Amino acid sequence: MLGHIAVGRDSVLRLVGEEPLLSETETERYRTESDPITGEADDIIPLERLLEILTVGQERINVGFARLTEVELTREISVGDRQVQLGTRLHGFYFHDTYHTGQTDLLRQIAGANDKVI
């Protein structure tokens, strides 16, 4: 789940003019509809690095957002075969991030961590 969140944040980084943090290989591993992670494998990013990627990524997102103007947020961009405003696209990624962040609490509960973090 954390790798998938990092992929989404890399997309946001690109949209706000910042460099992504994951390689293409890492991105493929955690992209939507990728195979589930069920154990150890060479292409799995260690937890410590994932947490660092998420922290640094958020810092860079903040820098990129600070540069955006109202005019830039209304600029039309291509998403697949449709056009949307940059601000609308960024809002979609915000929803994506919060949705999956919420899922991490459910996964913690399933794993036995019943400490009510959220």
PDB file of N, CA and C in Angstrom:
ATOM      1  N   MET A   1       0.825  -1.190   0.000  1.00  0.00           N
ATOM      2  CA  MET A   1       0.000   0.000   0.000  1.00  0.00           C
ATOM      3  C   MET A   1       0.873   1.259   0.000  1.00  0.00           C
ATOM      4  N   LEU A   2       1.947   1.255   0.814  1.00  0.00           N
ATOM      5  CA  LEU A   2       2.809   2.437   0.878  1.00  0.00           C
ATOM      6  C   LEU A   2       3.505   2.690  -0.453  1.00  0.00           C
ATOM      7  N   GLY A   3       3.912   1.633  -1.126  1.00  0.00           N
ATOM      8  CA  GLY A   3       4.527   1.793  -2.444  1.00  0.00           C
ATOM      9  C   GLY A   3       3.550   2.385  -3.442  1.00  0.00           C
ATOM     10  N   HIS A   4       2.307   1.953  -3.371  1.00  0.00           N
ATOM     11  CA  HIS A   4       1.275   2.478  -4.271  1.00  0.00           C
ATOM     12  C   HIS A   4       1.011   3.956  -3.979  1.00  0.00           C
ATOM     13  N   ILE A   5       0.991   4.337  -2.712  1.00  0.00           N
ATOM     14  CA  ILE A   5       0.838   5.746  -2.351  1.00  0.00           C
ATOM     15  C   ILE A   5       2.012   6.551  -2.906  1.00  0.00           C
ATOM     16  N   ALA A   6       3.224   5.999  -2.809  1.00  0.00           N
ATOM     17  CA  ALA A   6       4.411   6.681  -3.334  1.00  0.00           C
ATOM     18  C   ALA A   6       4.312   6.889  -4.840  1.00  0.00           C
ATOM     19  N   VAL A   7       3.763   5.916  -5.560  1.00  0.00           N
ATOM     20  CA  VAL A   7       3.570   6.059  -7.010  1.00  0.00           C
ATOM     21  C   VAL A   7       2.631   7.224  -7.296  1.00  0.00           C
ATOM     22  N   GLY A   8       1.542   7.309  -6.545  1.00  0.00           N
ATOM     23  CA  GLY A   8       0.615   8.422  -6.722  1.00  0.00           C
ATOM     24  C   GLY A   8       1.281   9.755  -6.427  1.00  0.00           C
ATOM     25  N   ARG A   9       2.072   9.811  -5.389  1.00  0.00           N
ATOM     26  CA  ARG A   9       2.756  11.056  -5.044  1.00  0.00           C
ATOM     27  C   ARG A   9       3.794  11.425  -6.102  1.00  0.00           C
ATOM     28  N   ASP A  10       4.421  10.433  -6.714  1.00  0.00           N
ATOM     29  CA  ASP A  10       5.335  10.728  -7.819  1.00  0.00           C
ATOM     30  C   ASP A  10       4.586  11.381  -8.976  1.00  0.00           C
ATOM     31  N   SER A  11       3.370  10.936  -9.222  1.00  0.00           N
ATOM     32  CA  SER A  11       2.559  11.564 -10.267  1.00  0.00           C
ATOM     33  C   SER A  11       2.284  13.026  -9.923  1.00  0.00           C
ATOM     34  N   VAL A  12       1.997  13.297  -8.662  1.00  0.00           N
ATOM     35  CA  VAL A  12       1.771  14.669  -8.217  1.00  0.00           C
ATOM     36  C   VAL A  12       3.057  15.479  -8.382  1.00  0.00           C
ATOM     37  N   LEU A  13       4.188  14.888  -8.019  1.00  0.00           N
ATOM     38  CA  LEU A  13       5.467  15.586  -8.184  1.00  0.00           C
ATOM     39  C   LEU A  13       5.663  16.034  -9.628  1.00  0.00           C
ATOM     40  N   ARG A  14       5.387  15.158 -10.562  1.00  0.00           N
ATOM     41  CA  ARG A  14       5.522  15.525 -11.973  1.00  0.00           C
ATOM     42  C   ARG A  14       4.595  16.689 -12.327  1.00  0.00           C
ATOM     43  N   LEU A  15       3.360  16.637 -11.826  1.00  0.00           N
ATOM     44  CA  LEU A  15       2.382  17.681 -12.145  1.00  0.00           C
ATOM     45  C   LEU A  15       2.758  19.046 -11.576  1.00  0.00           C
ATOM     46  N   VAL A  16       3.473  19.065 -10.456  1.00  0.00           N
ATOM     47  CA  VAL A  16       3.859  20.347  -9.845  1.00  0.00           C
ATOM     48  C   VAL A  16       5.298  20.736 -10.182  1.00  0.00           C
ATOM     49  N   GLY A  17       5.902  20.038 -11.153  1.00  0.00           N
ATOM     50  CA  GLY A  17       7.226  20.418 -11.642  1.00  0.00           C
ATOM     51  C   GLY A  17       8.392  19.942 -10.816  1.00  0.00           C
ATOM     52  N   GLU A  18       8.201  18.875 -10.060  1.00  0.00           N
ATOM     53  CA  GLU A  18       9.274  18.308  -9.239  1.00  0.00           C
ATOM     54  C   GLU A  18       9.672  16.941  -9.781  1.00  0.00           C
ATOM     55  N   GLU A  19      10.858  16.503  -9.438  1.00  0.00           N
ATOM     56  CA  GLU A  19      11.363  15.204  -9.887  1.00  0.00           C
ATOM     57  C   GLU A  19      10.751  14.068  -9.073  1.00  0.00           C
ATOM     58  N   PRO A  20      10.308  13.010  -9.734  1.00  0.00           N
ATOM     59  CA  PRO A  20       9.796  11.846  -8.998  1.00  0.00           C
ATOM     60  C   PRO A  20      10.929  11.131  -8.261  1.00  0.00           C
ATOM     61  N   LEU A  21      10.566  10.333  -7.276  1.00  0.00           N
ATOM     62  CA  LEU A  21      11.553   9.653  -6.441  1.00  0.00           C
ATOM     63  C   LEU A  21      11.734   8.178  -6.774  1.00  0.00           C
ATOM     64  N   LEU A  22      10.780   7.576  -7.464  1.00  0.00           N
ATOM     65  CA  LEU A  22      10.853   6.153  -7.792  1.00  0.00           C
ATOM     66  C   LEU A  22      11.389   5.952  -9.201  1.00  0.00           C
ATOM     67  N   SER A  23      12.117   4.864  -9.370  1.00  0.00           N
ATOM     68  CA  SER A  23      12.544   4.486 -10.717  1.00  0.00           C
ATOM     69  C   SER A  23      11.352   3.906 -11.471  1.00  0.00           C
ATOM     70  N   GLU A  24      11.489   3.745 -12.770  1.00  0.00           N
ATOM     71  CA  GLU A  24      10.405   3.158 -13.565  1.00  0.00           C
ATOM     72  C   GLU A  24      10.109   1.726 -13.106  1.00  0.00           C
ATOM     73  N   THR A  25      11.151   0.966 -12.766  1.00  0.00           N
ATOM     74  CA  THR A  25      10.965  -0.405 -12.282  1.00  0.00           C
ATOM     75  C   THR A  25      10.188  -0.414 -10.970  1.00  0.00           C
ATOM     76  N   GLU A  26      10.555   0.482 -10.053  1.00  0.00           N
ATOM     77  CA  GLU A  26       9.844   0.569  -8.775  1.00  0.00           C
ATOM     78  C   GLU A  26       8.395   0.995  -8.993  1.00  0.00           C
ATOM     79  N   THR A  27       8.193   1.933  -9.906  1.00  0.00           N
ATOM     80  CA  THR A  27       6.840   2.396 -10.208  1.00  0.00           C
ATOM     81  C   THR A  27       5.994   1.245 -10.733  1.00  0.00           C
ATOM     82  N   GLU A  28       6.534   0.445 -11.636  1.00  0.00           N
ATOM     83  CA  GLU A  28       5.782  -0.683 -12.194  1.00  0.00           C
ATOM     84  C   GLU A  28       5.355  -1.664 -11.110  1.00  0.00           C
ATOM     85  N   ARG A  29       6.209  -1.881 -10.116  1.00  0.00           N
ATOM     86  CA  ARG A  29       5.912  -2.857  -9.064  1.00  0.00           C
ATOM     87  C   ARG A  29       4.697  -2.473  -8.234  1.00  0.00           C
ATOM     88  N   TYR A  30       4.473  -1.166  -8.074  1.00  0.00           N
ATOM     89  CA  TYR A  30       3.419  -0.689  -7.178  1.00  0.00           C
ATOM     90  C   TYR A  30       2.266   0.002  -7.899  1.00  0.00           C
ATOM     91  N   ARG A  31       2.277  -0.033  -9.217  1.00  0.00           N
ATOM     92  CA  ARG A  31       1.226   0.612 -10.011  1.00  0.00           C
ATOM     93  C   ARG A  31      -0.117  -0.087  -9.815  1.00  0.00           C
ATOM     94  N   THR A  32      -1.214   0.591 -10.115  1.00  0.00           N
ATOM     95  CA  THR A  32      -2.546   0.007 -10.048  1.00  0.00           C
ATOM     96  C   THR A  32      -2.582  -1.298 -10.843  1.00  0.00           C
ATOM     97  N   GLU A  33      -3.203  -2.311 -10.253  1.00  0.00           N
ATOM     98  CA  GLU A  33      -3.369  -3.636 -10.840  1.00  0.00           C
ATOM     99  C   GLU A  33      -2.074  -4.448 -10.933  1.00  0.00           C
ATOM    100  N   SER A  34      -1.031  -4.023 -10.208  1.00  0.00           N
ATOM    101  CA  SER A  34       0.178  -4.844 -10.139  1.00  0.00           C
ATOM    102  C   SER A  34      -0.103  -6.046  -9.242  1.00  0.00           C
ATOM    103  N   ASP A  35       0.724  -7.067  -9.363  1.00  0.00           N
ATOM    104  CA  ASP A  35       0.537  -8.266  -8.546  1.00  0.00           C
ATOM    105  C   ASP A  35       0.671  -7.938  -7.068  1.00  0.00           C
ATOM    106  N   PRO A  36      -0.129  -8.570  -6.227  1.00  0.00           N
ATOM    107  CA  PRO A  36      -0.023  -8.320  -4.780  1.00  0.00           C
ATOM    108  C   PRO A  36       1.321  -8.790  -4.244  1.00  0.00           C
ATOM    109  N   ILE A  37       1.750  -8.149  -3.191  1.00  0.00           N
ATOM    110  CA  ILE A  37       2.991  -8.535  -2.524  1.00  0.00           C
ATOM    111  C   ILE A  37       2.617  -9.522  -1.429  1.00  0.00           C
ATOM    112  N   THR A  38       3.133 -10.727  -1.544  1.00  0.00           N
ATOM    113  CA  THR A  38       2.776 -11.780  -0.584  1.00  0.00           C
ATOM    114  C   THR A  38       3.972 -12.306   0.187  1.00  0.00           C
ATOM    115  N   GLY A  39       5.136 -11.730  -0.036  1.00  0.00           N
ATOM    116  CA  GLY A  39       6.328 -12.184   0.661  1.00  0.00           C
ATOM    117  C   GLY A  39       7.532 -11.399   0.196  1.00  0.00           C
ATOM    118  N   GLU A  40       8.693 -11.900   0.532  1.00  0.00           N
ATOM    119  CA  GLU A  40       9.938 -11.246   0.159  1.00  0.00           C
ATOM    120  C   GLU A  40      10.189 -11.408  -1.338  1.00  0.00           C
ATOM    121  N   ALA A  41      10.751 -10.370  -1.958  1.00  0.00           N
ATOM    122  CA  ALA A  41      11.139 -10.422  -3.366  1.00  0.00           C
ATOM    123  C   ALA A  41      12.156  -9.319  -3.619  1.00  0.00           C
ATOM    124  N   ASP A  42      12.963  -9.495  -4.657  1.00  0.00           N
ATOM    125  CA  ASP A  42      14.010  -8.527  -4.974  1.00  0.00           C
ATOM    126  C   ASP A  42      13.467  -7.159  -5.368  1.00  0.00           C
ATOM    127  N   ASP A  43      12.245  -7.118  -5.903  1.00  0.00           N
ATOM    128  CA  ASP A  43      11.708  -5.842  -6.380  1.00  0.00           C
ATOM    129  C   ASP A  43      10.865  -5.101  -5.341  1.00  0.00           C
ATOM    130  N   ILE A  44      10.896  -5.552  -4.103  1.00  0.00           N
ATOM    131  CA  ILE A  44      10.141  -4.912  -3.029  1.00  0.00           C
ATOM    132  C   ILE A  44      11.032  -3.862  -2.358  1.00  0.00           C
ATOM    133  N   ILE A  45      10.522  -2.648  -2.235  1.00  0.00           N
ATOM    134  CA  ILE A  45      11.278  -1.578  -1.582  1.00  0.00           C
ATOM    135  C   ILE A  45      11.188  -1.777  -0.065  1.00  0.00           C
ATOM    136  N   PRO A  46      12.321  -1.758   0.627  1.00  0.00           N
ATOM    137  CA  PRO A  46      12.294  -1.912   2.088  1.00  0.00           C
ATOM    138  C   PRO A  46      11.459  -0.810   2.759  1.00  0.00           C
ATOM    139  N   LEU A  47      10.809  -1.154   3.856  1.00  0.00           N
ATOM    140  CA  LEU A  47       9.923  -0.232   4.561  1.00  0.00           C
ATOM    141  C   LEU A  47      10.623   1.088   4.891  1.00  0.00           C
ATOM    142  N   GLU A  48      11.841   1.047   5.375  1.00  0.00           N
ATOM    143  CA  GLU A  48      12.547   2.268   5.762  1.00  0.00           C
ATOM    144  C   GLU A  48      12.699   3.205   4.564  1.00  0.00           C
ATOM    145  N   ARG A  49      13.008   2.648   3.404  1.00  0.00           N
ATOM    146  CA  ARG A  49      13.157   3.479   2.205  1.00  0.00           C
ATOM    147  C   ARG A  49      11.802   4.012   1.751  1.00  0.00           C
ATOM    148  N   LEU A  50      10.752   3.196   1.835  1.00  0.00           N
ATOM    149  CA  LEU A  50       9.416   3.672   1.473  1.00  0.00           C
ATOM    150  C   LEU A  50       9.011   4.857   2.346  1.00  0.00           C
ATOM    151  N   LEU A  51       9.260   4.765   3.635  1.00  0.00           N
ATOM    152  CA  LEU A  51       8.911   5.857   4.542  1.00  0.00           C
ATOM    153  C   LEU A  51       9.704   7.119   4.202  1.00  0.00           C
ATOM    154  N   GLU A  52      10.971   6.954   3.845  1.00  0.00           N
ATOM    155  CA  GLU A  52      11.791   8.096   3.434  1.00  0.00           C
ATOM    156  C   GLU A  52      11.254   8.705   2.138  1.00  0.00           C
ATOM    157  N   ILE A  53      10.891   7.862   1.174  1.00  0.00           N
ATOM    158  CA  ILE A  53      10.332   8.337  -0.091  1.00  0.00           C
ATOM    159  C   ILE A  53       9.058   9.136   0.164  1.00  0.00           C
ATOM    160  N   LEU A  54       8.194   8.637   1.033  1.00  0.00           N
ATOM    161  CA  LEU A  54       6.951   9.341   1.337  1.00  0.00           C
ATOM    162  C   LEU A  54       7.213  10.685   2.018  1.00  0.00           C
ATOM    163  N   THR A  55       8.175  10.720   2.923  1.00  0.00           N
ATOM    164  CA  THR A  55       8.508  11.965   3.625  1.00  0.00           C
ATOM    165  C   THR A  55       9.106  12.996   2.672  1.00  0.00           C
ATOM    166  N   VAL A  56      10.120  12.587   1.921  1.00  0.00           N
ATOM    167  CA  VAL A  56      10.771  13.504   0.978  1.00  0.00           C
ATOM    168  C   VAL A  56       9.793  13.923  -0.112  1.00  0.00           C
ATOM    169  N   GLY A  57       8.999  12.979  -0.584  1.00  0.00           N
ATOM    170  CA  GLY A  57       8.010  13.292  -1.605  1.00  0.00           C
ATOM    171  C   GLY A  57       7.039  14.354  -1.143  1.00  0.00           C
ATOM    172  N   GLN A  58       6.559  14.243   0.091  1.00  0.00           N
ATOM    173  CA  GLN A  58       5.628  15.241   0.613  1.00  0.00           C
ATOM    174  C   GLN A  58       6.290  16.606   0.710  1.00  0.00           C
ATOM    175  N   GLU A  59       7.550  16.632   1.132  1.00  0.00           N
ATOM    176  CA  GLU A  59       8.279  17.908   1.200  1.00  0.00           C
ATOM    177  C   GLU A  59       8.371  18.546  -0.181  1.00  0.00           C
ATOM    178  N   ARG A  60       8.683  17.741  -1.195  1.00  0.00           N
ATOM    179  CA  ARG A  60       8.797  18.266  -2.560  1.00  0.00           C
ATOM    180  C   ARG A  60       7.433  18.679  -3.117  1.00  0.00           C
ATOM    181  N   ILE A  61       6.391  17.943  -2.769  1.00  0.00           N
ATOM    182  CA  ILE A  61       5.039  18.338  -3.188  1.00  0.00           C
ATOM    183  C   ILE A  61       4.716  19.720  -2.614  1.00  0.00           C
ATOM    184  N   ASN A  62       5.049  19.941  -1.351  1.00  0.00           N
ATOM    185  CA  ASN A  62       4.805  21.239  -0.728  1.00  0.00           C
ATOM    186  C   ASN A  62       5.530  22.356  -1.476  1.00  0.00           C
ATOM    187  N   VAL A  63       6.770  22.115  -1.883  1.00  0.00           N
ATOM    188  CA  VAL A  63       7.543  23.105  -2.640  1.00  0.00           C
ATOM    189  C   VAL A  63       6.868  23.372  -3.986  1.00  0.00           C
ATOM    190  N   GLY A  64       6.479  22.308  -4.674  1.00  0.00           N
ATOM    191  CA  GLY A  64       5.828  22.461  -5.972  1.00  0.00           C
ATOM    192  C   GLY A  64       4.498  23.190  -5.869  1.00  0.00           C
ATOM    193  N   PHE A  65       3.701  22.857  -4.866  1.00  0.00           N
ATOM    194  CA  PHE A  65       2.413  23.527  -4.669  1.00  0.00           C
ATOM    195  C   PHE A  65       2.599  25.016  -4.402  1.00  0.00           C
ATOM    196  N   ALA A  66       3.638  25.358  -3.646  1.00  0.00           N
ATOM    197  CA  ALA A  66       3.876  26.761  -3.303  1.00  0.00           C
ATOM    198  C   ALA A  66       4.141  27.609  -4.542  1.00  0.00           C
ATOM    199  N   ARG A  67       4.649  26.995  -5.605  1.00  0.00           N
ATOM    200  CA  ARG A  67       4.941  27.724  -6.843  1.00  0.00           C
ATOM    201  C   ARG A  67       3.725  27.893  -7.743  1.00  0.00           C
ATOM    202  N   LEU A  68       2.691  27.077  -7.539  1.00  0.00           N
ATOM    203  CA  LEU A  68       1.538  27.111  -8.431  1.00  0.00           C
ATOM    204  C   LEU A  68       0.726  28.387  -8.243  1.00  0.00           C
ATOM    205  N   THR A  69       0.306  28.943  -9.358  1.00  0.00           N
ATOM    206  CA  THR A  69      -0.571  30.107  -9.321  1.00  0.00           C
ATOM    207  C   THR A  69      -2.000  29.665  -9.611  1.00  0.00           C
ATOM    208  N   GLU A  70      -2.933  30.540  -9.362  1.00  0.00           N
ATOM    209  CA  GLU A  70      -4.331  30.236  -9.651  1.00  0.00           C
ATOM    210  C   GLU A  70      -4.519  29.963 -11.146  1.00  0.00           C
ATOM    211  N   VAL A  71      -3.822  30.702 -11.968  1.00  0.00           N
ATOM    212  CA  VAL A  71      -3.911  30.502 -13.419  1.00  0.00           C
ATOM    213  C   VAL A  71      -3.405  29.111 -13.794  1.00  0.00           C
ATOM    214  N   GLU A  72      -2.289  28.691 -13.202  1.00  0.00           N
ATOM    215  CA  GLU A  72      -1.750  27.356 -13.504  1.00  0.00           C
ATOM    216  C   GLU A  72      -2.710  26.259 -13.077  1.00  0.00           C
ATOM    217  N   LEU A  73      -3.388  26.440 -11.968  1.00  0.00           N
ATOM    218  CA  LEU A  73      -4.332  25.435 -11.484  1.00  0.00           C
ATOM    219  C   LEU A  73      -5.529  25.265 -12.424  1.00  0.00           C
ATOM    220  N   THR A  74      -5.842  26.282 -13.203  1.00  0.00           N
ATOM    221  CA  THR A  74      -6.958  26.183 -14.148  1.00  0.00           C
ATOM    222  C   THR A  74      -6.507  25.757 -15.542  1.00  0.00           C
ATOM    223  N   ARG A  75      -5.198  25.573 -15.721  1.00  0.00           N
ATOM    224  CA  ARG A  75      -4.673  25.129 -17.019  1.00  0.00           C
ATOM    225  C   ARG A  75      -5.186  23.732 -17.338  1.00  0.00           C
ATOM    226  N   GLU A  76      -5.592  23.527 -18.588  1.00  0.00           N
ATOM    227  CA  GLU A  76      -6.079  22.227 -19.040  1.00  0.00           C
ATOM    228  C   GLU A  76      -4.896  21.295 -19.318  1.00  0.00           C
ATOM    229  N   ILE A  77      -4.990  20.064 -18.839  1.00  0.00           N
ATOM    230  CA  ILE A  77      -3.989  19.041 -19.124  1.00  0.00           C
ATOM    231  C   ILE A  77      -4.695  17.804 -19.664  1.00  0.00           C
ATOM    232  N   SER A  78      -3.949  16.983 -20.374  1.00  0.00           N
ATOM    233  CA  SER A  78      -4.497  15.740 -20.912  1.00  0.00           C
ATOM    234  C   SER A  78      -4.365  14.625 -19.894  1.00  0.00           C
ATOM    235  N   VAL A  79      -5.460  13.910 -19.704  1.00  0.00           N
ATOM    236  CA  VAL A  79      -5.476  12.716 -18.855  1.00  0.00           C
ATOM    237  C   VAL A  79      -6.163  11.649 -19.682  1.00  0.00           C
ATOM    238  N   GLY A  80      -5.360  10.763 -20.235  1.00  0.00           N
ATOM    239  CA  GLY A  80      -5.920   9.786 -21.163  1.00  0.00           C
ATOM    240  C   GLY A  80      -6.464  10.496 -22.383  1.00  0.00           C
ATOM    241  N   ASP A  81      -7.744  10.290 -22.675  1.00  0.00           N
ATOM    242  CA  ASP A  81      -8.348  10.905 -23.852  1.00  0.00           C
ATOM    243  C   ASP A  81      -9.214  12.110 -23.500  1.00  0.00           C
ATOM    244  N   ARG A  82      -9.044  12.656 -22.299  1.00  0.00           N
ATOM    245  CA  ARG A  82      -9.857  13.808 -21.909  1.00  0.00           C
ATOM    246  C   ARG A  82      -8.981  14.943 -21.393  1.00  0.00           C
ATOM    247  N   GLN A  83      -9.572  16.109 -21.307  1.00  0.00           N
ATOM    248  CA  GLN A  83      -8.895  17.295 -20.794  1.00  0.00           C
ATOM    249  C   GLN A  83      -9.501  17.649 -19.436  1.00  0.00           C
ATOM    250  N   VAL A  84      -8.650  17.931 -18.463  1.00  0.00           N
ATOM    251  CA  VAL A  84      -9.097  18.382 -17.147  1.00  0.00           C
ATOM    252  C   VAL A  84      -8.193  19.511 -16.678  1.00  0.00           C
ATOM    253  N   GLN A  85      -8.690  20.300 -15.750  1.00  0.00           N
ATOM    254  CA  GLN A  85      -7.850  21.343 -15.173  1.00  0.00           C
ATOM    255  C   GLN A  85      -6.834  20.706 -14.228  1.00  0.00           C
ATOM    256  N   LEU A  86      -5.656  21.303 -14.188  1.00  0.00           N
ATOM    257  CA  LEU A  86      -4.595  20.797 -13.313  1.00  0.00           C
ATOM    258  C   LEU A  86      -5.091  20.683 -11.876  1.00  0.00           C
ATOM    259  N   GLY A  87      -5.799  21.687 -11.377  1.00  0.00           N
ATOM    260  CA  GLY A  87      -6.307  21.641 -10.008  1.00  0.00           C
ATOM    261  C   GLY A  87      -7.250  20.474  -9.771  1.00  0.00           C
ATOM    262  N   THR A  88      -8.067  20.150 -10.759  1.00  0.00           N
ATOM    263  CA  THR A  88      -8.983  19.013 -10.653  1.00  0.00           C
ATOM    264  C   THR A  88      -8.195  17.716 -10.579  1.00  0.00           C
ATOM    265  N   ARG A  89      -7.180  17.599 -11.399  1.00  0.00           N
ATOM    266  CA  ARG A  89      -6.344  16.395 -11.395  1.00  0.00           C
ATOM    267  C   ARG A  89      -5.631  16.242 -10.048  1.00  0.00           C
ATOM    268  N   LEU A  90      -5.095  17.337  -9.538  1.00  0.00           N
ATOM    269  CA  LEU A  90      -4.417  17.288  -8.244  1.00  0.00           C
ATOM    270  C   LEU A  90      -5.394  16.914  -7.131  1.00  0.00           C
ATOM    271  N   HIS A  91      -6.614  17.405  -7.208  1.00  0.00           N
ATOM    272  CA  HIS A  91      -7.631  17.040  -6.224  1.00  0.00           C
ATOM    273  C   HIS A  91      -7.906  15.538  -6.274  1.00  0.00           C
ATOM    274  N   GLY A  92      -7.933  14.969  -7.469  1.00  0.00           N
ATOM    275  CA  GLY A  92      -8.122  13.522  -7.613  1.00  0.00           C
ATOM    276  C   GLY A  92      -7.015  12.740  -6.938  1.00  0.00           C
ATOM    277  N   PHE A  93      -5.784  13.212  -7.079  1.00  0.00           N
ATOM    278  CA  PHE A  93      -4.670  12.537  -6.409  1.00  0.00           C
ATOM    279  C   PHE A  93      -4.745  12.707  -4.898  1.00  0.00           C
ATOM    280  N   TYR A  94      -5.258  13.849  -4.443  1.00  0.00           N
ATOM    281  CA  TYR A  94      -5.455  14.049  -3.001  1.00  0.00           C
ATOM    282  C   TYR A  94      -6.427  13.000  -2.458  1.00  0.00           C
ATOM    283  N   PHE A  95      -7.539  12.795  -3.173  1.00  0.00           N
ATOM    284  CA  PHE A  95      -8.504  11.773  -2.760  1.00  0.00           C
ATOM    285  C   PHE A  95      -7.837  10.391  -2.757  1.00  0.00           C
ATOM    286  N   HIS A  96      -7.089  10.092  -3.819  1.00  0.00           N
ATOM    287  CA  HIS A  96      -6.401   8.801  -3.939  1.00  0.00           C
ATOM    288  C   HIS A  96      -5.489   8.568  -2.736  1.00  0.00           C
ATOM    289  N   ASP A  97      -4.713   9.587  -2.386  1.00  0.00           N
ATOM    290  CA  ASP A  97      -3.770   9.479  -1.278  1.00  0.00           C
ATOM    291  C   ASP A  97      -4.501   9.234   0.039  1.00  0.00           C
ATOM    292  N   THR A  98      -5.537  10.017   0.313  1.00  0.00           N
ATOM    293  CA  THR A  98      -6.246   9.858   1.586  1.00  0.00           C
ATOM    294  C   THR A  98      -6.997   8.528   1.657  1.00  0.00           C
ATOM    295  N   TYR A  99      -7.525   8.080   0.532  1.00  0.00           N
ATOM    296  CA  TYR A  99      -8.224   6.789   0.481  1.00  0.00           C
ATOM    297  C   TYR A  99      -7.280   5.660   0.893  1.00  0.00           C
ATOM    298  N   HIS A 100      -6.112   5.621   0.261  1.00  0.00           N
ATOM    299  CA  HIS A 100      -5.172   4.540   0.558  1.00  0.00           C
ATOM    300  C   HIS A 100      -4.504   4.709   1.918  1.00  0.00           C
ATOM    301  N   THR A 101      -4.302   5.929   2.363  1.00  0.00           N
ATOM    302  CA  THR A 101      -3.762   6.141   3.706  1.00  0.00           C
ATOM    303  C   THR A 101      -4.722   5.570   4.738  1.00  0.00           C
ATOM    304  N   GLY A 102      -6.014   5.770   4.533  1.00  0.00           N
ATOM    305  CA  GLY A 102      -7.007   5.182   5.422  1.00  0.00           C
ATOM    306  C   GLY A 102      -6.969   3.669   5.419  1.00  0.00           C
ATOM    307  N   GLN A 103      -6.696   3.094   4.270  1.00  0.00           N
ATOM    308  CA  GLN A 103      -6.619   1.635   4.190  1.00  0.00           C
ATOM    309  C   GLN A 103      -5.473   1.080   5.028  1.00  0.00           C
ATOM    310  N   THR A 104      -4.428   1.873   5.218  1.00  0.00           N
ATOM    311  CA  THR A 104      -3.301   1.366   6.008  1.00  0.00           C
ATOM    312  C   THR A 104      -3.730   1.057   7.441  1.00  0.00           C
ATOM    313  N   ASP A 105      -4.694   1.820   7.977  1.00  0.00           N
ATOM    314  CA  ASP A 105      -5.173   1.513   9.325  1.00  0.00           C
ATOM    315  C   ASP A 105      -5.903   0.177   9.345  1.00  0.00           C
ATOM    316  N   LEU A 106      -6.698  -0.087   8.324  1.00  0.00           N
ATOM    317  CA  LEU A 106      -7.379  -1.387   8.248  1.00  0.00           C
ATOM    318  C   LEU A 106      -6.359  -2.525   8.173  1.00  0.00           C
ATOM    319  N   LEU A 107      -5.315  -2.334   7.391  1.00  0.00           N
ATOM    320  CA  LEU A 107      -4.278  -3.369   7.277  1.00  0.00           C
ATOM    321  C   LEU A 107      -3.566  -3.579   8.612  1.00  0.00           C
ATOM    322  N   ARG A 108      -3.342  -2.500   9.345  1.00  0.00           N
ATOM    323  CA  ARG A 108      -2.729  -2.615  10.664  1.00  0.00           C
ATOM    324  C   ARG A 108      -3.621  -3.429  11.601  1.00  0.00           C
ATOM    325  N   GLN A 109      -4.936  -3.177  11.533  1.00  0.00           N
ATOM    326  CA  GLN A 109      -5.870  -3.915  12.377  1.00  0.00           C
ATOM    327  C   GLN A 109      -5.856  -5.400  12.026  1.00  0.00           C
ATOM    328  N   ILE A 110      -5.847  -5.712  10.740  1.00  0.00           N
ATOM    329  CA  ILE A 110      -5.786  -7.098  10.291  1.00  0.00           C
ATOM    330  C   ILE A 110      -4.505  -7.763  10.779  1.00  0.00           C
ATOM    331  N   ALA A 111      -3.410  -6.978  10.820  1.00  0.00           N
ATOM    332  CA  ALA A 111      -2.117  -7.514  11.261  1.00  0.00           C
ATOM    333  C   ALA A 111      -2.030  -7.639  12.784  1.00  0.00           C
ATOM    334  N   GLY A 112      -3.071  -7.161  13.493  1.00  0.00           N
ATOM    335  CA  GLY A 112      -3.087  -7.320  14.934  1.00  0.00           C
ATOM    336  C   GLY A 112      -2.697  -6.100  15.731  1.00  0.00           C
ATOM    337  N   ALA A 113      -2.437  -4.979  15.084  1.00  0.00           N
ATOM    338  CA  ALA A 113      -2.090  -3.737  15.783  1.00  0.00           C
ATOM    339  C   ALA A 113      -3.365  -3.001  16.139  1.00  0.00           C
ATOM    340  N   ASN A 114      -3.937  -3.332  17.275  1.00  0.00           N
ATOM    341  CA  ASN A 114      -5.216  -2.769  17.691  1.00  0.00           C
ATOM    342  C   ASN A 114      -5.004  -1.596  18.639  1.00  0.00           C
ATOM    343  N   ASP A 115      -4.196  -0.600  18.180  1.00  0.00           N
ATOM    344  CA  ASP A 115      -3.860   0.518  19.056  1.00  0.00           C
ATOM    345  C   ASP A 115      -4.574   1.817  18.687  1.00  0.00           C
ATOM    346  N   LYS A 116      -5.526   1.756  17.770  1.00  0.00           N
ATOM    347  CA  LYS A 116      -6.394   2.881  17.416  1.00  0.00           C
ATOM    348  C   LYS A 116      -5.592   4.149  17.076  1.00  0.00           C
ATOM    349  N   VAL A 117      -4.669   4.022  16.124  1.00  0.00           N
ATOM    350  CA  VAL A 117      -3.874   5.164  15.685  1.00  0.00           C
ATOM    351  C   VAL A 117      -4.751   6.212  15.031  1.00  0.00           C
ATOM    352  N   ILE A 118      -5.704   5.763  14.231  1.00  0.00           N
ATOM    353  CA  ILE A 118      -6.585   6.713  13.532  1.00  0.00           C
ATOM    354  C   ILE A 118      -7.903   6.802  14.271  1.00  0.00           C
TER     355      ILE A 118
END
